Amino acid sequence: MQFKELKQEVERLFGKIQHQSSEGDLPDLEDVKQFARYCSLMQTRADEDWAEEADDFMQLVHQLLQDVKNDNAEEIIQLIASLEDTKNFCHRTFRS
């Protein structure tokens, strides 16, 4: 999978996860697993300039996966917001 396609799939899955959460539902575990796999692939392809931010993002992704497995709804909402903030910071910093 090309990087652009990978990024689009990560964005699609994250949007789906955000939507499920905003509707008051727990994100689907399989969606979160796939999101984590694709994020991990992106992390392995990270440029040196943004590798540290990719590592930080992955820590949040792993925590999200654990909290979805444990049905920890309160933490999931906070993690999704943190993932959005981290993504936005990275894009503002490295897409200029």
PDB file of N, CA and C in Angstrom:
ATOM      1  N   MET A   1       0.849  -1.175   0.000  1.00  0.00           N
ATOM      2  CA  MET A   1       0.000   0.000   0.000  1.00  0.00           C
ATOM      3  C   MET A   1       0.899   1.244   0.000  1.00  0.00           C
ATOM      4  N   GLN A   2       0.599   2.153  -0.898  1.00  0.00           N
ATOM      5  CA  GLN A   2       1.342   3.408  -0.983  1.00  0.00           C
ATOM      6  C   GLN A   2       1.054   4.262   0.257  1.00  0.00           C
ATOM      7  N   PHE A   3       1.995   5.149   0.610  1.00  0.00           N
ATOM      8  CA  PHE A   3       1.844   5.966   1.804  1.00  0.00           C
ATOM      9  C   PHE A   3       0.572   6.806   1.754  1.00  0.00           C
ATOM     10  N   LYS A   4       0.281   7.384   0.603  1.00  0.00           N
ATOM     11  CA  LYS A   4      -0.913   8.225   0.474  1.00  0.00           C
ATOM     12  C   LYS A   4      -2.182   7.420   0.760  1.00  0.00           C
ATOM     13  N   GLU A   5      -2.252   6.213   0.221  1.00  0.00           N
ATOM     14  CA  GLU A   5      -3.408   5.339   0.459  1.00  0.00           C
ATOM     15  C   GLU A   5      -3.495   4.937   1.929  1.00  0.00           C
ATOM     16  N   LEU A   6      -2.354   4.659   2.516  1.00  0.00           N
ATOM     17  CA  LEU A   6      -2.292   4.296   3.924  1.00  0.00           C
ATOM     18  C   LEU A   6      -2.817   5.436   4.791  1.00  0.00           C
ATOM     19  N   LYS A   7      -2.368   6.633   4.498  1.00  0.00           N
ATOM     20  CA  LYS A   7      -2.799   7.815   5.246  1.00  0.00           C
ATOM     21  C   LYS A   7      -4.308   8.034   5.094  1.00  0.00           C
ATOM     22  N   GLN A   8      -4.826   7.855   3.894  1.00  0.00           N
ATOM     23  CA  GLN A   8      -6.260   8.012   3.662  1.00  0.00           C
ATOM     24  C   GLN A   8      -7.065   6.983   4.459  1.00  0.00           C
ATOM     25  N   GLU A   9      -6.551   5.769   4.518  1.00  0.00           N
ATOM     26  CA  GLU A   9      -7.247   4.720   5.269  1.00  0.00           C
ATOM     27  C   GLU A   9      -7.202   5.006   6.773  1.00  0.00           C
ATOM     28  N   VAL A  10      -6.076   5.512   7.256  1.00  0.00           N
ATOM     29  CA  VAL A  10      -5.973   5.902   8.667  1.00  0.00           C
ATOM     30  C   VAL A  10      -6.987   7.002   8.967  1.00  0.00           C
ATOM     31  N   GLU A  11      -7.077   7.990   8.099  1.00  0.00           N
ATOM     32  CA  GLU A  11      -8.021   9.089   8.298  1.00  0.00           C
ATOM     33  C   GLU A  11      -9.470   8.596   8.244  1.00  0.00           C
ATOM     34  N   ARG A  12      -9.767   7.677   7.342  1.00  0.00           N
ATOM     35  CA  ARG A  12     -11.119   7.130   7.234  1.00  0.00           C
ATOM     36  C   ARG A  12     -11.499   6.386   8.516  1.00  0.00           C
ATOM     37  N   LEU A  13     -10.599   5.540   8.980  1.00  0.00           N
ATOM     38  CA  LEU A  13     -10.877   4.770  10.185  1.00  0.00           C
ATOM     39  C   LEU A  13     -10.995   5.668  11.413  1.00  0.00           C
ATOM     40  N   PHE A  14     -10.122   6.668  11.512  1.00  0.00           N
ATOM     41  CA  PHE A  14     -10.195   7.568  12.656  1.00  0.00           C
ATOM     42  C   PHE A  14     -11.518   8.336  12.640  1.00  0.00           C
ATOM     43  N   GLY A  15     -11.951   8.755  11.474  1.00  0.00           N
ATOM     44  CA  GLY A  15     -13.239   9.425  11.360  1.00  0.00           C
ATOM     45  C   GLY A  15     -14.381   8.519  11.812  1.00  0.00           C
ATOM     46  N   LYS A  16     -14.311   7.271  11.438  1.00  0.00           N
ATOM     47  CA  LYS A  16     -15.337   6.300  11.835  1.00  0.00           C
ATOM     48  C   LYS A  16     -15.323   6.099  13.350  1.00  0.00           C
ATOM     49  N   ILE A  17     -14.132   5.998  13.925  1.00  0.00           N
ATOM     50  CA  ILE A  17     -13.983   5.841  15.372  1.00  0.00           C
ATOM     51  C   ILE A  17     -14.526   7.071  16.098  1.00  0.00           C
ATOM     52  N   GLN A  18     -14.198   8.254  15.588  1.00  0.00           N
ATOM     53  CA  GLN A  18     -14.701   9.491  16.184  1.00  0.00           C
ATOM     54  C   GLN A  18     -16.228   9.549  16.117  1.00  0.00           C
ATOM     55  N   HIS A  19     -16.781   9.172  14.968  1.00  0.00           N
ATOM     56  CA  HIS A  19     -18.227   9.208  14.792  1.00  0.00           C
ATOM     57  C   HIS A  19     -18.924   8.256  15.767  1.00  0.00           C
ATOM     58  N   GLN A  20     -18.420   7.039  15.872  1.00  0.00           N
ATOM     59  CA  GLN A  20     -19.020   6.068  16.785  1.00  0.00           C
ATOM     60  C   GLN A  20     -19.010   6.607  18.212  1.00  0.00           C
ATOM     61  N   SER A  21     -17.902   7.191  18.597  1.00  0.00           N
ATOM     62  CA  SER A  21     -17.767   7.741  19.948  1.00  0.00           C
ATOM     63  C   SER A  21     -18.712   8.920  20.163  1.00  0.00           C
ATOM     64  N   SER A  22     -18.831   9.784  19.164  1.00  0.00           N
ATOM     65  CA  SER A  22     -19.693  10.963  19.294  1.00  0.00           C
ATOM     66  C   SER A  22     -21.170  10.579  19.381  1.00  0.00           C
ATOM     67  N   GLU A  23     -21.500   9.396  18.870  1.00  0.00           N
ATOM     68  CA  GLU A  23     -22.869   8.894  18.943  1.00  0.00           C
ATOM     69  C   GLU A  23     -23.150   8.190  20.275  1.00  0.00           C
ATOM     70  N   GLY A  24     -22.134   8.152  21.145  1.00  0.00           N
ATOM     71  CA  GLY A  24     -22.295   7.506  22.449  1.00  0.00           C
ATOM     72  C   GLY A  24     -21.994   6.024  22.446  1.00  0.00           C
ATOM     73  N   ASP A  25     -21.451   5.528  21.340  1.00  0.00           N
ATOM     74  CA  ASP A  25     -21.116   4.114  21.228  1.00  0.00           C
ATOM     75  C   ASP A  25     -19.618   3.916  21.414  1.00  0.00           C
ATOM     76  N   LEU A  26     -19.244   2.738  21.885  1.00  0.00           N
ATOM     77  CA  LEU A  26     -17.835   2.385  21.903  1.00  0.00           C
ATOM     78  C   LEU A  26     -17.395   2.137  20.466  1.00  0.00           C
ATOM     79  N   PRO A  27     -16.198   2.567  20.116  1.00  0.00           N
ATOM     80  CA  PRO A  27     -15.702   2.246  18.774  1.00  0.00           C
ATOM     81  C   PRO A  27     -15.633   0.735  18.583  1.00  0.00           C
ATOM     82  N   ASP A  28     -15.860   0.309  17.367  1.00  0.00           N
ATOM     83  CA  ASP A  28     -15.787  -1.105  17.025  1.00  0.00           C
ATOM     84  C   ASP A  28     -14.348  -1.597  17.201  1.00  0.00           C
ATOM     85  N   LEU A  29     -14.181  -2.686  17.928  1.00  0.00           N
ATOM     86  CA  LEU A  29     -12.844  -3.211  18.218  1.00  0.00           C
ATOM     87  C   LEU A  29     -12.078  -3.519  16.941  1.00  0.00           C
ATOM     88  N   GLU A  30     -12.736  -4.101  15.958  1.00  0.00           N
ATOM     89  CA  GLU A  30     -12.028  -4.433  14.712  1.00  0.00           C
ATOM     90  C   GLU A  30     -11.560  -3.173  13.982  1.00  0.00           C
ATOM     91  N   ASP A  31     -12.360  -2.117  14.010  1.00  0.00           N
ATOM     92  CA  ASP A  31     -11.934  -0.848  13.414  1.00  0.00           C
ATOM     93  C   ASP A  31     -10.710  -0.302  14.129  1.00  0.00           C
ATOM     94  N   VAL A  32     -10.715  -0.380  15.446  1.00  0.00           N
ATOM     95  CA  VAL A  32      -9.587   0.139  16.226  1.00  0.00           C
ATOM     96  C   VAL A  32      -8.341  -0.713  15.986  1.00  0.00           C
ATOM     97  N   LYS A  33      -8.507  -2.016  15.887  1.00  0.00           N
ATOM     98  CA  LYS A  33      -7.360  -2.887  15.580  1.00  0.00           C
ATOM     99  C   LYS A  33      -6.764  -2.538  14.219  1.00  0.00           C
ATOM    100  N   GLN A  34      -7.624  -2.354  13.231  1.00  0.00           N
ATOM    101  CA  GLN A  34      -7.143  -2.020  11.890  1.00  0.00           C
ATOM    102  C   GLN A  34      -6.487  -0.632  11.899  1.00  0.00           C
ATOM    103  N   PHE A  35      -7.083   0.308  12.593  1.00  0.00           N
ATOM    104  CA  PHE A  35      -6.517   1.641  12.752  1.00  0.00           C
ATOM    105  C   PHE A  35      -5.117   1.542  13.358  1.00  0.00           C
ATOM    106  N   ALA A  36      -4.969   0.732  14.396  1.00  0.00           N
ATOM    107  CA  ALA A  36      -3.669   0.561  15.054  1.00  0.00           C
ATOM    108  C   ALA A  36      -2.648  -0.062  14.100  1.00  0.00           C
ATOM    109  N   ARG A  37      -3.078  -1.038  13.306  1.00  0.00           N
ATOM    110  CA  ARG A  37      -2.157  -1.668  12.342  1.00  0.00           C
ATOM    111  C   ARG A  37      -1.673  -0.654  11.304  1.00  0.00           C
ATOM    112  N   TYR A  38      -2.599   0.118  10.765  1.00  0.00           N
ATOM    113  CA  TYR A  38      -2.226   1.097   9.754  1.00  0.00           C
ATOM    114  C   TYR A  38      -1.379   2.221  10.347  1.00  0.00           C
ATOM    115  N   CYS A  39      -1.695   2.638  11.551  1.00  0.00           N
ATOM    116  CA  CYS A  39      -0.877   3.667  12.213  1.00  0.00           C
ATOM    117  C   CYS A  39       0.539   3.148  12.449  1.00  0.00           C
ATOM    118  N   SER A  40       0.645   1.882  12.806  1.00  0.00           N
ATOM    119  CA  SER A  40       1.958   1.270  13.005  1.00  0.00           C
ATOM    120  C   SER A  40       2.759   1.259  11.708  1.00  0.00           C
ATOM    121  N   LEU A  41       2.087   0.957  10.602  1.00  0.00           N
ATOM    122  CA  LEU A  41       2.766   0.999   9.296  1.00  0.00           C
ATOM    123  C   LEU A  41       3.236   2.414   8.976  1.00  0.00           C
ATOM    124  N   MET A  42       2.394   3.402   9.270  1.00  0.00           N
ATOM    125  CA  MET A  42       2.792   4.794   9.034  1.00  0.00           C
ATOM    126  C   MET A  42       4.000   5.153   9.888  1.00  0.00           C
ATOM    127  N   GLN A  43       3.994   4.677  11.131  1.00  0.00           N
ATOM    128  CA  GLN A  43       5.104   4.968  12.042  1.00  0.00           C
ATOM    129  C   GLN A  43       6.413   4.409  11.492  1.00  0.00           C
ATOM    130  N   THR A  44       6.370   3.229  10.905  1.00  0.00           N
ATOM    131  CA  THR A  44       7.603   2.638  10.370  1.00  0.00           C
ATOM    132  C   THR A  44       8.118   3.415   9.156  1.00  0.00           C
ATOM    133  N   ARG A  45       7.230   4.171   8.514  1.00  0.00           N
ATOM    134  CA  ARG A  45       7.617   4.958   7.341  1.00  0.00           C
ATOM    135  C   ARG A  45       7.849   6.435   7.671  1.00  0.00           C
ATOM    136  N   ALA A  46       7.814   6.758   8.945  1.00  0.00           N
ATOM    137  CA  ALA A  46       7.940   8.158   9.359  1.00  0.00           C
ATOM    138  C   ALA A  46       9.303   8.726   8.983  1.00  0.00           C
ATOM    139  N   ASP A  47       9.273   9.954   8.462  1.00  0.00           N
ATOM    140  CA  ASP A  47      10.504  10.682   8.222  1.00  0.00           C
ATOM    141  C   ASP A  47      11.150  10.991   9.557  1.00  0.00           C
ATOM    142  N   GLU A  48      12.431  11.150   9.547  1.00  0.00           N
ATOM    143  CA  GLU A  48      13.158  11.455  10.775  1.00  0.00           C
ATOM    144  C   GLU A  48      12.608  12.715  11.446  1.00  0.00           C
ATOM    145  N   ASP A  49      12.161  13.678  10.640  1.00  0.00           N
ATOM    146  CA  ASP A  49      11.649  14.946  11.168  1.00  0.00           C
ATOM    147  C   ASP A  49      10.438  14.758  12.074  1.00  0.00           C
ATOM    148  N   TRP A  50       9.575  13.817  11.755  1.00  0.00           N
ATOM    149  CA  TRP A  50       8.359  13.647  12.547  1.00  0.00           C
ATOM    150  C   TRP A  50       8.239  12.278  13.210  1.00  0.00           C
ATOM    151  N   ALA A  51       9.339  11.561  13.297  1.00  0.00           N
ATOM    152  CA  ALA A  51       9.332  10.222  13.909  1.00  0.00           C
ATOM    153  C   ALA A  51       8.950  10.264  15.390  1.00  0.00           C
ATOM    154  N   GLU A  52       9.435  11.257  16.103  1.00  0.00           N
ATOM    155  CA  GLU A  52       9.115  11.347  17.535  1.00  0.00           C
ATOM    156  C   GLU A  52       7.620  11.567  17.756  1.00  0.00           C
ATOM    157  N   GLU A  53       7.024  12.423  16.941  1.00  0.00           N
ATOM    158  CA  GLU A  53       5.580  12.654  17.045  1.00  0.00           C
ATOM    159  C   GLU A  53       4.797  11.401  16.672  1.00  0.00           C
ATOM    160  N   ALA A  54       5.302  10.647  15.702  1.00  0.00           N
ATOM    161  CA  ALA A  54       4.654   9.386  15.325  1.00  0.00           C
ATOM    162  C   ALA A  54       4.702   8.403  16.489  1.00  0.00           C
ATOM    163  N   ASP A  55       5.807   8.390  17.219  1.00  0.00           N
ATOM    164  CA  ASP A  55       5.921   7.524  18.394  1.00  0.00           C
ATOM    165  C   ASP A  55       4.906   7.928  19.463  1.00  0.00           C
ATOM    166  N   ASP A  56       4.785   9.228  19.705  1.00  0.00           N
ATOM    167  CA  ASP A  56       3.810   9.723  20.685  1.00  0.00           C
ATOM    168  C   ASP A  56       2.388   9.342  20.279  1.00  0.00           C
ATOM    169  N   PHE A  57       2.086   9.497  18.994  1.00  0.00           N
ATOM    170  CA  PHE A  57       0.764   9.154  18.479  1.00  0.00           C
ATOM    171  C   PHE A  57       0.488   7.670  18.696  1.00  0.00           C
ATOM    172  N   MET A  58       1.485   6.826  18.430  1.00  0.00           N
ATOM    173  CA  MET A  58       1.307   5.382  18.578  1.00  0.00           C
ATOM    174  C   MET A  58       1.056   4.987  20.023  1.00  0.00           C
ATOM    175  N   GLN A  59       1.670   5.682  20.957  1.00  0.00           N
ATOM    176  CA  GLN A  59       1.392   5.387  22.369  1.00  0.00           C
ATOM    177  C   GLN A  59      -0.088   5.606  22.671  1.00  0.00           C
ATOM    178  N   LEU A  60      -0.642   6.696  22.150  1.00  0.00           N
ATOM    179  CA  LEU A  60      -2.063   6.969  22.336  1.00  0.00           C
ATOM    180  C   LEU A  60      -2.925   5.923  21.638  1.00  0.00           C
ATOM    181  N   VAL A  61      -2.519   5.501  20.448  1.00  0.00           N
ATOM    182  CA  VAL A  61      -3.266   4.481  19.701  1.00  0.00           C
ATOM    183  C   VAL A  61      -3.296   3.166  20.483  1.00  0.00           C
ATOM    184  N   HIS A  62      -2.153   2.773  21.039  1.00  0.00           N
ATOM    185  CA  HIS A  62      -2.100   1.533  21.817  1.00  0.00           C
ATOM    186  C   HIS A  62      -2.993   1.626  23.059  1.00  0.00           C
ATOM    187  N   GLN A  63      -3.001   2.791  23.690  1.00  0.00           N
ATOM    188  CA  GLN A  63      -3.860   2.979  24.854  1.00  0.00           C
ATOM    189  C   GLN A  63      -5.334   2.918  24.450  1.00  0.00           C
ATOM    190  N   LEU A  64      -5.673   3.519  23.302  1.00  0.00           N
ATOM    191  CA  LEU A  64      -7.040   3.452  22.799  1.00  0.00           C
ATOM    192  C   LEU A  64      -7.457   1.999  22.583  1.00  0.00           C
ATOM    193  N   LEU A  65      -6.598   1.235  21.960  1.00  0.00           N
ATOM    194  CA  LEU A  65      -6.901  -0.169  21.708  1.00  0.00           C
ATOM    195  C   LEU A  65      -7.168  -0.910  23.025  1.00  0.00           C
ATOM    196  N   GLN A  66      -6.327  -0.689  24.026  1.00  0.00           N
ATOM    197  CA  GLN A  66      -6.522  -1.340  25.322  1.00  0.00           C
ATOM    198  C   GLN A  66      -7.832  -0.912  25.972  1.00  0.00           C
ATOM    199  N   ASP A  67      -8.139   0.381  25.905  1.00  0.00           N
ATOM    200  CA  ASP A  67      -9.366   0.872  26.532  1.00  0.00           C
ATOM    201  C   ASP A  67     -10.614   0.379  25.809  1.00  0.00           C
ATOM    202  N   VAL A  68     -10.554   0.222  24.501  1.00  0.00           N
ATOM    203  CA  VAL A  68     -11.692  -0.348  23.775  1.00  0.00           C
ATOM    204  C   VAL A  68     -11.867  -1.813  24.181  1.00  0.00           C
ATOM    205  N   LYS A  69     -10.768  -2.529  24.287  1.00  0.00           N
ATOM    206  CA  LYS A  69     -10.848  -3.936  24.720  1.00  0.00           C
ATOM    207  C   LYS A  69     -11.458  -4.048  26.112  1.00  0.00           C
ATOM    208  N   ASN A  70     -11.177  -3.057  26.972  1.00  0.00           N
ATOM    209  CA  ASN A  70     -11.654  -3.082  28.361  1.00  0.00           C
ATOM    210  C   ASN A  70     -12.958  -2.313  28.566  1.00  0.00           C
ATOM    211  N   ASP A  71     -13.587  -1.859  27.473  1.00  0.00           N
ATOM    212  CA  ASP A  71     -14.845  -1.103  27.544  1.00  0.00           C
ATOM    213  C   ASP A  71     -14.752   0.102  28.473  1.00  0.00           C
ATOM    214  N   ASN A  72     -13.645   0.814  28.418  1.00  0.00           N
ATOM    215  CA  ASN A  72     -13.412   1.968  29.286  1.00  0.00           C
ATOM    216  C   ASN A  72     -13.828   3.241  28.540  1.00  0.00           C
ATOM    217  N   ALA A  73     -15.133   3.493  28.498  1.00  0.00           N
ATOM    218  CA  ALA A  73     -15.704   4.569  27.681  1.00  0.00           C
ATOM    219  C   ALA A  73     -15.160   5.946  28.045  1.00  0.00           C
ATOM    220  N   GLU A  74     -15.011   6.231  29.316  1.00  0.00           N
ATOM    221  CA  GLU A  74     -14.540   7.557  29.733  1.00  0.00           C
ATOM    222  C   GLU A  74     -13.133   7.842  29.195  1.00  0.00           C
ATOM    223  N   GLU A  75     -12.260   6.880  29.279  1.00  0.00           N
ATOM    224  CA  GLU A  75     -10.895   7.047  28.771  1.00  0.00           C
ATOM    225  C   GLU A  75     -10.872   7.142  27.245  1.00  0.00           C
ATOM    226  N   ILE A  76     -11.742   6.402  26.589  1.00  0.00           N
ATOM    227  CA  ILE A  76     -11.794   6.400  25.127  1.00  0.00           C
ATOM    228  C   ILE A  76     -12.091   7.796  24.602  1.00  0.00           C
ATOM    229  N   ILE A  77     -13.047   8.464  25.190  1.00  0.00           N
ATOM    230  CA  ILE A  77     -13.413   9.817  24.756  1.00  0.00           C
ATOM    231  C   ILE A  77     -12.214  10.759  24.893  1.00  0.00           C
ATOM    232  N   GLN A  78     -11.510  10.673  26.012  1.00  0.00           N
ATOM    233  CA  GLN A  78     -10.339  11.524  26.224  1.00  0.00           C
ATOM    234  C   GLN A  78      -9.212  11.179  25.245  1.00  0.00           C
ATOM    235  N   LEU A  79      -9.018   9.900  24.989  1.00  0.00           N
ATOM    236  CA  LEU A  79      -7.961   9.488  24.062  1.00  0.00           C
ATOM    237  C   LEU A  79      -8.243   9.931  22.636  1.00  0.00           C
ATOM    238  N   ILE A  80      -9.488   9.847  22.224  1.00  0.00           N
ATOM    239  CA  ILE A  80      -9.835  10.289  20.875  1.00  0.00           C
ATOM    240  C   ILE A  80      -9.544  11.779  20.732  1.00  0.00           C
ATOM    241  N   ALA A  81      -9.883  12.555  21.746  1.00  0.00           N
ATOM    242  CA  ALA A  81      -9.581  13.993  21.718  1.00  0.00           C
ATOM    243  C   ALA A  81      -8.067  14.224  21.699  1.00  0.00           C
ATOM    244  N   SER A  82      -7.322  13.454  22.457  1.00  0.00           N
ATOM    245  CA  SER A  82      -5.858  13.584  22.477  1.00  0.00           C
ATOM    246  C   SER A  82      -5.250  13.194  21.132  1.00  0.00           C
ATOM    247  N   LEU A  83      -5.794  12.156  20.520  1.00  0.00           N
ATOM    248  CA  LEU A  83      -5.311  11.752  19.196  1.00  0.00           C
ATOM    249  C   LEU A  83      -5.564  12.857  18.175  1.00  0.00           C
ATOM    250  N   GLU A  84      -6.736  13.465  18.229  1.00  0.00           N
ATOM    251  CA  GLU A  84      -7.065  14.562  17.314  1.00  0.00           C
ATOM    252  C   GLU A  84      -6.112  15.735  17.531  1.00  0.00           C
ATOM    253  N   ASP A  85      -5.870  16.093  18.779  1.00  0.00           N
ATOM    254  CA  ASP A  85      -4.948  17.194  19.092  1.00  0.00           C
ATOM    255  C   ASP A  85      -3.536  16.887  18.606  1.00  0.00           C
ATOM    256  N   THR A  86      -3.078  15.659  18.846  1.00  0.00           N
ATOM    257  CA  THR A  86      -1.728  15.259  18.437  1.00  0.00           C
ATOM    258  C   THR A  86      -1.596  15.277  16.922  1.00  0.00           C
ATOM    259  N   LYS A  87      -2.605  14.780  16.242  1.00  0.00           N
ATOM    260  CA  LYS A  87      -2.609  14.780  14.766  1.00  0.00           C
ATOM    261  C   LYS A  87      -2.553  16.217  14.239  1.00  0.00           C
ATOM    262  N   ASN A  88      -3.404  17.071  14.792  1.00  0.00           N
ATOM    263  CA  ASN A  88      -3.442  18.462  14.335  1.00  0.00           C
ATOM    264  C   ASN A  88      -2.122  19.179  14.579  1.00  0.00           C
ATOM    265  N   PHE A  89      -1.508  18.950  15.731  1.00  0.00           N
ATOM    266  CA  PHE A  89      -0.211  19.566  16.021  1.00  0.00           C
ATOM    267  C   PHE A  89       0.830  19.098  15.007  1.00  0.00           C
ATOM    268  N   CYS A  90       0.855  17.814  14.752  1.00  0.00           N
ATOM    269  CA  CYS A  90       1.836  17.262  13.808  1.00  0.00           C
ATOM    270  C   CYS A  90       1.621  17.851  12.415  1.00  0.00           C
ATOM    271  N   HIS A  91       0.374  17.905  11.971  1.00  0.00           N
ATOM    272  CA  HIS A  91       0.096  18.441  10.632  1.00  0.00           C
ATOM    273  C   HIS A  91       0.460  19.934  10.541  1.00  0.00           C
ATOM    274  N   ARG A  92       0.156  20.689  11.583  1.00  0.00           N
ATOM    275  CA  ARG A  92       0.520  22.117  11.562  1.00  0.00           C
ATOM    276  C   ARG A  92       2.034  22.298  11.536  1.00  0.00           C
ATOM    277  N   THR A  93       2.730  21.453  12.251  1.00  0.00           N
ATOM    278  CA  THR A  93       4.179  21.580  12.389  1.00  0.00           C
ATOM    279  C   THR A  93       4.940  21.088  11.149  1.00  0.00           C
ATOM    280  N   PHE A  94       4.491  19.999  10.553  1.00  0.00           N
ATOM    281  CA  PHE A  94       5.282  19.355   9.511  1.00  0.00           C
ATOM    282  C   PHE A  94       4.709  19.420   8.117  1.00  0.00           C
ATOM    283  N   ARG A  95       3.553  20.036   7.926  1.00  0.00           N
ATOM    284  CA  ARG A  95       2.976  20.151   6.582  1.00  0.00           C
ATOM    285  C   ARG A  95       3.213  21.513   5.950  1.00  0.00           C
ATOM    286  N   SER A  96       3.942  22.364   6.586  1.00  0.00           N
ATOM    287  CA  SER A  96       4.117  23.727   6.064  1.00  0.00           C
ATOM    288  C   SER A  96       4.850  23.810   4.763  1.00  0.00           C
TER     289      SER A  96
END
